[in-house]
PDB file of N, CA and C in Angstrom:
ATOM      1  N   MET A   1      10.600  42.627  26.651  1.00  0.00           N
ATOM      2  CA  MET A   1      11.973  41.873  25.954  1.00  0.00           C
ATOM      3  C   MET A   1      12.532  41.255  27.236  1.00  0.00           C
ATOM      4  N   ILE A   2      12.992  40.198  26.905  1.00  0.00           N
ATOM      5  CA  ILE A   2      13.738  39.327  27.905  1.00  0.00           C
ATOM      6  C   ILE A   2      15.312  39.945  28.185  1.00  0.00           C
ATOM      7  N   GLU A   3      15.535  39.451  29.260  1.00  0.00           N
ATOM      8  CA  GLU A   3      16.903  40.118  30.030  1.00  0.00           C
ATOM      9  C   GLU A   3      17.657  38.733  29.962  1.00  0.00           C
ATOM     10  N   TRP A   4      18.566  38.750  29.034  1.00  0.00           N
ATOM     11  CA  TRP A   4      19.592  37.600  28.977  1.00  0.00           C
ATOM     12  C   TRP A   4      20.567  37.184  30.119  1.00  0.00           C
ATOM     13  N   GLN A   5      20.450  36.081  30.774  1.00  0.00           N
ATOM     14  CA  GLN A   5      21.137  35.653  31.590  1.00  0.00           C
ATOM     15  C   GLN A   5      22.558  35.112  31.282  1.00  0.00           C
ATOM     16  N   PRO A   6      23.844  35.495  31.583  1.00  0.00           N
ATOM     17  CA  PRO A   6      24.789  34.769  30.949  1.00  0.00           C
ATOM     18  C   PRO A   6      25.162  33.389  31.476  1.00  0.00           C
ATOM     19  N   GLY A   7      25.517  32.732  30.634  1.00  0.00           N
ATOM     20  CA  GLY A   7      26.108  31.349  30.960  1.00  0.00           C
ATOM     21  C   GLY A   7      24.860  30.515  30.940  1.00  0.00           C
ATOM     22  N   VAL A   8      23.396  30.977  30.464  1.00  0.00           N
ATOM     23  CA  VAL A   8      22.327  30.172  30.025  1.00  0.00           C
ATOM     24  C   VAL A   8      22.092  30.304  28.700  1.00  0.00           C
ATOM     25  N   TYR A   9      21.960  28.956  27.820  1.00  0.00           N
ATOM     26  CA  TYR A   9      21.393  29.078  26.673  1.00  0.00           C
ATOM     27  C   TYR A   9      20.145  29.922  26.262  1.00  0.00           C
ATOM     28  N   ARG A  10      20.202  30.618  25.255  1.00  0.00           N
ATOM     29  CA  ARG A  10      19.297  31.765  25.127  1.00  0.00           C
ATOM     30  C   ARG A  10      17.946  30.685  24.857  1.00  0.00           C
ATOM     31  N   TRP A  11      18.143  29.515  24.180  1.00  0.00           N
ATOM     32  CA  TRP A  11      16.830  28.535  23.833  1.00  0.00           C
ATOM     33  C   TRP A  11      16.017  28.495  25.082  1.00  0.00           C
ATOM     34  N   ARG A  12      16.846  28.185  26.004  1.00  0.00           N
ATOM     35  CA  ARG A  12      16.422  27.624  27.340  1.00  0.00           C
ATOM     36  C   ARG A  12      15.692  28.872  28.326  1.00  0.00           C
ATOM     37  N   GLN A  13      16.257  30.048  28.062  1.00  0.00           N
ATOM     38  CA  GLN A  13      15.517  31.289  28.439  1.00  0.00           C
ATOM     39  C   GLN A  13      14.564  31.604  27.544  1.00  0.00           C
ATOM     40  N   ILE A  14      14.503  31.364  26.331  1.00  0.00           N
ATOM     41  CA  ILE A  14      13.223  31.676  25.655  1.00  0.00           C
ATOM     42  C   ILE A  14      12.188  30.412  26.116  1.00  0.00           C
ATOM     43  N   ALA A  15      12.526  29.147  26.361  1.00  0.00           N
ATOM     44  CA  ALA A  15      11.534  27.985  26.755  1.00  0.00           C
ATOM     45  C   ALA A  15      10.967  28.507  27.905  1.00  0.00           C
ATOM     46  N   ASP A  16      11.914  28.850  28.873  1.00  0.00           N
ATOM     47  CA  ASP A  16      11.181  29.206  30.448  1.00  0.00           C
ATOM     48  C   ASP A  16      10.305  30.548  30.271  1.00  0.00           C
ATOM     49  N   ASP A  17      10.889  31.557  29.667  1.00  0.00           N
ATOM     50  CA  ASP A  17       9.718  32.499  29.417  1.00  0.00           C
ATOM     51  C   ASP A  17       8.607  32.276  28.804  1.00  0.00           C
ATOM     52  N   LEU A  18       8.425  31.259  27.897  1.00  0.00           N
ATOM     53  CA  LEU A  18       7.298  31.050  27.075  1.00  0.00           C
ATOM     54  C   LEU A  18       6.334  30.057  28.196  1.00  0.00           C
ATOM     55  N   THR A  19       7.125  29.199  28.804  1.00  0.00           N
ATOM     56  CA  THR A  19       6.492  28.678  29.846  1.00  0.00           C
ATOM     57  C   THR A  19       5.654  29.201  30.732  1.00  0.00           C
ATOM     58  N   ARG A  20       6.407  30.358  31.304  1.00  0.00           N
ATOM     59  CA  ARG A  20       5.997  31.316  32.289  1.00  0.00           C
ATOM     60  C   ARG A  20       4.768  32.037  31.816  1.00  0.00           C
ATOM     61  N   ARG A  21       4.625  32.441  30.410  1.00  0.00           N
ATOM     62  CA  ARG A  21       3.531  33.124  30.049  1.00  0.00           C
ATOM     63  C   ARG A  21       2.347  32.286  29.523  1.00  0.00           C
ATOM     64  N   ILE A  22       2.857  30.898  29.284  1.00  0.00           N
ATOM     65  CA  ILE A  22       1.630  30.113  29.043  1.00  0.00           C
ATOM     66  C   ILE A  22       1.178  29.675  30.373  1.00  0.00           C
ATOM     67  N   ASP A  23       1.681  29.348  31.573  1.00  0.00           N
ATOM     68  CA  ASP A  23       1.375  29.179  32.737  1.00  0.00           C
ATOM     69  C   ASP A  23       0.399  30.265  33.261  1.00  0.00           C
ATOM     70  N   ALA A  24       0.720  31.504  33.006  1.00  0.00           N
ATOM     71  CA  ALA A  24       0.074  32.787  33.329  1.00  0.00           C
ATOM     72  C   ALA A  24      -1.266  32.932  32.525  1.00  0.00           C
ATOM     73  N   GLY A  25      -1.218  32.234  31.672  1.00  0.00           N
ATOM     74  CA  GLY A  25      -2.444  32.469  30.633  1.00  0.00           C
ATOM     75  C   GLY A  25      -2.232  33.886  29.370  1.00  0.00           C
ATOM     76  N   ASP A  26      -1.122  34.218  29.574  1.00  0.00           N
ATOM     77  CA  ASP A  26      -0.712  35.439  28.464  1.00  0.00           C
ATOM     78  C   ASP A  26      -0.764  34.698  27.150  1.00  0.00           C
ATOM     79  N   ILE A  27      -0.674  33.620  27.010  1.00  0.00           N
ATOM     80  CA  ILE A  27      -0.689  32.972  25.618  1.00  0.00           C
ATOM     81  C   ILE A  27      -1.537  31.643  26.102  1.00  0.00           C
ATOM     82  N   PRO A  28      -2.862  32.066  25.510  1.00  0.00           N
ATOM     83  CA  PRO A  28      -3.916  31.096  25.578  1.00  0.00           C
ATOM     84  C   PRO A  28      -3.710  29.758  25.077  1.00  0.00           C
ATOM     85  N   PRO A  29      -4.914  28.560  25.443  1.00  0.00           N
ATOM     86  CA  PRO A  29      -4.823  27.423  24.948  1.00  0.00           C
ATOM     87  C   PRO A  29      -5.099  27.809  23.650  1.00  0.00           C
ATOM     88  N   GLY A  30      -4.642  26.683  22.453  1.00  0.00           N
ATOM     89  CA  GLY A  30      -4.863  27.034  21.195  1.00  0.00           C
ATOM     90  C   GLY A  30      -4.067  28.106  20.430  1.00  0.00           C
ATOM     91  N   GLY A  31      -3.365  28.735  21.205  1.00  0.00           N
ATOM     92  CA  GLY A  31      -2.716  29.945  20.721  1.00  0.00           C
ATOM     93  C   GLY A  31      -1.476  29.728  19.881  1.00  0.00           C
ATOM     94  N   LEU A  32      -1.282  30.266  18.557  1.00  0.00           N
ATOM     95  CA  LEU A  32      -0.475  29.908  17.588  1.00  0.00           C
ATOM     96  C   LEU A  32       1.059  30.683  18.407  1.00  0.00           C
ATOM     97  N   LEU A  33       2.068  29.840  18.168  1.00  0.00           N
ATOM     98  CA  LEU A  33       3.476  30.485  18.540  1.00  0.00           C
ATOM     99  C   LEU A  33       4.321  30.465  17.094  1.00  0.00           C
ATOM    100  N   SER A  34       4.126  31.437  16.470  1.00  0.00           N
ATOM    101  CA  SER A  34       4.888  31.598  15.030  1.00  0.00           C
ATOM    102  C   SER A  34       6.563  31.569  15.431  1.00  0.00           C
ATOM    103  N   GLU A  35       7.135  30.999  14.290  1.00  0.00           N
ATOM    104  CA  GLU A  35       8.678  31.046  14.643  1.00  0.00           C
ATOM    105  C   GLU A  35       9.133  32.397  14.168  1.00  0.00           C
ATOM    106  N   ASN A  36       8.559  32.995  13.262  1.00  0.00           N
ATOM    107  CA  ASN A  36       8.965  34.179  12.898  1.00  0.00           C
ATOM    108  C   ASN A  36       8.537  35.034  13.950  1.00  0.00           C
ATOM    109  N   GLY A  37       7.731  35.179  14.464  1.00  0.00           N
ATOM    110  CA  GLY A  37       6.946  36.343  15.591  1.00  0.00           C
ATOM    111  C   GLY A  37       8.305  36.182  16.403  1.00  0.00           C
ATOM    112  N   LEU A  38       8.551  34.860  17.038  1.00  0.00           N
ATOM    113  CA  LEU A  38       9.201  34.638  18.328  1.00  0.00           C
ATOM    114  C   LEU A  38      10.643  34.921  17.811  1.00  0.00           C
ATOM    115  N   MET A  39      11.214  34.961  16.594  1.00  0.00           N
ATOM    116  CA  MET A  39      12.409  35.269  16.002  1.00  0.00           C
ATOM    117  C   MET A  39      12.285  37.078  16.287  1.00  0.00           C
ATOM    118  N   GLN A  40      11.456  37.483  15.930  1.00  0.00           N
ATOM    119  CA  GLN A  40      11.525  39.046  15.919  1.00  0.00           C
ATOM    120  C   GLN A  40      11.289  39.435  17.413  1.00  0.00           C
ATOM    121  N   GLU A  41      10.438  38.788  18.219  1.00  0.00           N
ATOM    122  CA  GLU A  41      10.335  39.132  19.597  1.00  0.00           C
ATOM    123  C   GLU A  41      11.489  39.163  20.205  1.00  0.00           C
ATOM    124  N   TYR A  42      12.320  37.938  20.147  1.00  0.00           N
ATOM    125  CA  TYR A  42      13.295  37.778  21.134  1.00  0.00           C
ATOM    126  C   TYR A  42      14.885  38.176  20.210  1.00  0.00           C
ATOM    127  N   GLY A  43      14.633  38.602  19.241  1.00  0.00           N
ATOM    128  CA  GLY A  43      16.083  38.751  18.160  1.00  0.00           C
ATOM    129  C   GLY A  43      17.128  37.838  18.296  1.00  0.00           C
ATOM    130  N   VAL A  44      16.411  36.377  18.151  1.00  0.00           N
ATOM    131  CA  VAL A  44      17.485  35.260  17.873  1.00  0.00           C
ATOM    132  C   VAL A  44      17.032  34.559  16.320  1.00  0.00           C
ATOM    133  N   ALA A  45      17.950  33.469  16.495  1.00  0.00           N
ATOM    134  CA  ALA A  45      17.828  33.054  15.050  1.00  0.00           C
ATOM    135  C   ALA A  45      16.844  32.015  14.959  1.00  0.00           C
ATOM    136  N   ARG A  46      16.400  31.310  13.954  1.00  0.00           N
ATOM    137  CA  ARG A  46      15.169  30.325  13.688  1.00  0.00           C
ATOM    138  C   ARG A  46      15.693  29.075  14.461  1.00  0.00           C
ATOM    139  N   ALA A  47      17.056  28.859  14.370  1.00  0.00           N
ATOM    140  CA  ALA A  47      17.326  27.486  14.995  1.00  0.00           C
ATOM    141  C   ALA A  47      17.335  27.551  16.542  1.00  0.00           C
ATOM    142  N   THR A  48      17.691  28.720  16.968  1.00  0.00           N
ATOM    143  CA  THR A  48      17.296  28.990  18.584  1.00  0.00           C
ATOM    144  C   THR A  48      15.724  28.881  19.018  1.00  0.00           C
ATOM    145  N   VAL A  49      15.043  29.438  18.162  1.00  0.00           N
ATOM    146  CA  VAL A  49      13.580  29.571  18.437  1.00  0.00           C
ATOM    147  C   VAL A  49      12.928  27.898  18.226  1.00  0.00           C
ATOM    148  N   ARG A  50      13.358  27.288  17.245  1.00  0.00           N
ATOM    149  CA  ARG A  50      13.099  25.799  17.147  1.00  0.00           C
ATOM    150  C   ARG A  50      13.612  24.818  18.233  1.00  0.00           C
ATOM    151  N   ARG A  51      14.729  25.110  18.654  1.00  0.00           N
ATOM    152  CA  ARG A  51      15.320  24.377  20.203  1.00  0.00           C
ATOM    153  C   ARG A  51      14.151  24.978  21.253  1.00  0.00           C
ATOM    154  N   ALA A  52      13.761  26.180  21.440  1.00  0.00           N
ATOM    155  CA  ALA A  52      13.008  26.314  22.537  1.00  0.00           C
ATOM    156  C   ALA A  52      11.507  25.681  22.383  1.00  0.00           C
ATOM    157  N   LEU A  53      10.954  25.659  20.955  1.00  0.00           N
ATOM    158  CA  LEU A  53       9.881  24.907  20.744  1.00  0.00           C
ATOM    159  C   LEU A  53       9.910  23.707  21.081  1.00  0.00           C
ATOM    160  N   SER A  54      11.182  22.859  20.614  1.00  0.00           N
ATOM    161  CA  SER A  54      11.197  21.557  20.985  1.00  0.00           C
ATOM    162  C   SER A  54      11.175  21.322  22.498  1.00  0.00           C
ATOM    163  N   GLU A  55      11.871  22.090  23.037  1.00  0.00           N
ATOM    164  CA  GLU A  55      11.675  21.945  24.683  1.00  0.00           C
ATOM    165  C   GLU A  55      10.670  21.956  25.166  1.00  0.00           C
ATOM    166  N   LEU A  56       9.467  23.020  24.780  1.00  0.00           N
ATOM    167  CA  LEU A  56       7.921  23.191  25.102  1.00  0.00           C
ATOM    168  C   LEU A  56       7.348  21.918  24.839  1.00  0.00           C
ATOM    169  N   ARG A  57       7.692  21.181  23.468  1.00  0.00           N
ATOM    170  CA  ARG A  57       6.991  19.983  23.098  1.00  0.00           C
ATOM    171  C   ARG A  57       7.402  19.074  23.968  1.00  0.00           C
ATOM    172  N   ASN A  58       8.744  18.747  24.831  1.00  0.00           N
ATOM    173  CA  ASN A  58       9.214  18.017  25.568  1.00  0.00           C
ATOM    174  C   ASN A  58       8.343  18.129  26.979  1.00  0.00           C
ATOM    175  N   ARG A  59       8.108  19.247  27.344  1.00  0.00           N
ATOM    176  CA  ARG A  59       7.242  19.730  28.426  1.00  0.00           C
ATOM    177  C   ARG A  59       5.629  19.275  28.362  1.00  0.00           C
ATOM    178  N   LYS A  60       5.528  19.311  27.155  1.00  0.00           N
ATOM    179  CA  LYS A  60       4.064  19.011  26.670  1.00  0.00           C
ATOM    180  C   LYS A  60       3.230  19.973  27.016  1.00  0.00           C
ATOM    181  N   LEU A  61       3.567  21.096  26.875  1.00  0.00           N
ATOM    182  CA  LEU A  61       3.047  22.533  26.632  1.00  0.00           C
ATOM    183  C   LEU A  61       2.579  22.993  25.314  1.00  0.00           C
ATOM    184  N   ILE A  62       3.131  22.244  24.253  1.00  0.00           N
ATOM    185  CA  ILE A  62       2.722  22.763  22.835  1.00  0.00           C
ATOM    186  C   ILE A  62       2.688  21.271  22.124  1.00  0.00           C
ATOM    187  N   PHE A  63       2.026  21.695  20.791  1.00  0.00           N
ATOM    188  CA  PHE A  63       2.003  20.593  19.924  1.00  0.00           C
ATOM    189  C   PHE A  63       2.406  21.359  18.665  1.00  0.00           C
ATOM    190  N   THR A  64       2.853  20.378  17.490  1.00  0.00           N
ATOM    191  CA  THR A  64       3.433  21.226  16.436  1.00  0.00           C
ATOM    192  C   THR A  64       2.301  20.245  15.270  1.00  0.00           C
ATOM    193  N   ARG A  65       2.063  21.087  14.282  1.00  0.00           N
ATOM    194  CA  ARG A  65       1.331  20.186  13.199  1.00  0.00           C
ATOM    195  C   ARG A  65       2.343  20.804  12.043  1.00  0.00           C
ATOM    196  N   GLN A  66       2.894  19.802  11.104  1.00  0.00           N
ATOM    197  CA  GLN A  66       3.650  20.274   9.942  1.00  0.00           C
ATOM    198  C   GLN A  66       2.748  21.175   9.107  1.00  0.00           C
ATOM    199  N   TYR A  67       3.132  22.341   8.210  1.00  0.00           N
ATOM    200  CA  TYR A  67       2.936  23.318   7.486  1.00  0.00           C
ATOM    201  C   TYR A  67       1.864  24.196   8.139  1.00  0.00           C
ATOM    202  N   LEU A  68       1.243  24.003   9.421  1.00  0.00           N
ATOM    203  CA  LEU A  68       0.605  24.838  10.257  1.00  0.00           C
ATOM    204  C   LEU A  68       1.048  25.689  11.476  1.00  0.00           C
ATOM    205  N   GLY A  69       2.305  24.975  12.082  1.00  0.00           N
ATOM    206  CA  GLY A  69       2.723  25.848  13.285  1.00  0.00           C
ATOM    207  C   GLY A  69       2.642  25.128  14.539  1.00  0.00           C
ATOM    208  N   SER A  70       2.983  25.474  15.564  1.00  0.00           N
ATOM    209  CA  SER A  70       3.082  25.038  17.133  1.00  0.00           C
ATOM    210  C   SER A  70       1.881  25.798  17.724  1.00  0.00           C
ATOM    211  N   PHE A  71       1.288  25.011  18.811  1.00  0.00           N
ATOM    212  CA  PHE A  71       0.013  25.377  19.344  1.00  0.00           C
ATOM    213  C   PHE A  71       0.290  25.205  20.844  1.00  0.00           C
ATOM    214  N   VAL A  72      -0.430  26.003  21.649  1.00  0.00           N
ATOM    215  CA  VAL A  72      -0.190  25.965  22.904  1.00  0.00           C
ATOM    216  C   VAL A  72      -1.657  24.936  23.450  1.00  0.00           C
ATOM    217  N   GLY A  73      -1.167  23.965  24.318  1.00  0.00           N
ATOM    218  CA  GLY A  73      -2.144  22.875  24.847  1.00  0.00           C
ATOM    219  C   GLY A  73      -1.539  21.623  24.437  1.00  0.00           C
ATOM    220  N   GLN A  74      -2.350  20.443  24.711  1.00  0.00           N
ATOM    221  CA  GLN A  74      -2.240  19.219  24.384  1.00  0.00           C
ATOM    222  C   GLN A  74      -2.732  18.984  22.935  1.00  0.00           C
ATOM    223  N   ASP A  75      -1.840  17.985  22.451  1.00  0.00           N
ATOM    224  CA  ASP A  75      -2.234  17.486  20.749  1.00  0.00           C
ATOM    225  C   ASP A  75      -3.904  16.945  21.050  1.00  0.00           C
ATOM    226  N   PRO A  76      -4.670  17.213  20.274  1.00  0.00           N
ATOM    227  CA  PRO A  76      -5.902  16.521  20.289  1.00  0.00           C
ATOM    228  C   PRO A  76      -6.078  15.209  19.637  1.00  0.00           C
ATOM    229  N   GLU A  77      -5.029  15.065  18.696  1.00  0.00           N
ATOM    230  CA  GLU A  77      -4.290  13.528  18.091  1.00  0.00           C
ATOM    231  C   GLU A  77      -3.877  12.776  19.117  1.00  0.00           C
ATOM    232  N   GLY A  78      -3.339  13.186  19.995  1.00  0.00           N
ATOM    233  CA  GLY A  78      -2.658  12.448  21.023  1.00  0.00           C
ATOM    234  C   GLY A  78      -1.042  12.010  20.779  1.00  0.00           C
ATOM    235  N   ASP A  79      -0.878  12.537  19.431  1.00  0.00           N
ATOM    236  CA  ASP A  79       0.574  11.832  19.281  1.00  0.00           C
ATOM    237  C   ASP A  79       2.036  13.090  19.597  1.00  0.00           C
ATOM    238  N   ASN A  80       1.388  14.233  19.845  1.00  0.00           N
ATOM    239  CA  ASN A  80       2.176  15.357  19.984  1.00  0.00           C
ATOM    240  C   ASN A  80       3.483  15.632  19.171  1.00  0.00           C
ATOM    241  N   ALA A  81       3.242  15.483  17.689  1.00  0.00           N
ATOM    242  CA  ALA A  81       4.359  15.278  16.631  1.00  0.00           C
ATOM    243  C   ALA A  81       5.231  16.479  16.694  1.00  0.00           C
TER     244      ALA A  81
END
């Protein structure tokens, strides 16, 4: 469980934690990042998880497919939608 830092948005702390875990190989390429799973793991609202996932997309660490979810790695279709 993450120890929350005061004065830092939780979505940013989650994005940083997930980035660390991806870089360390704890979440492998192609791994699914489930919104529901992340909500439970971090104890936050869906909007917070979605903002963190948006940041990971901006960092080009994940890609998202509508109705399927968010996956670790580069978008094989190249649009990183």
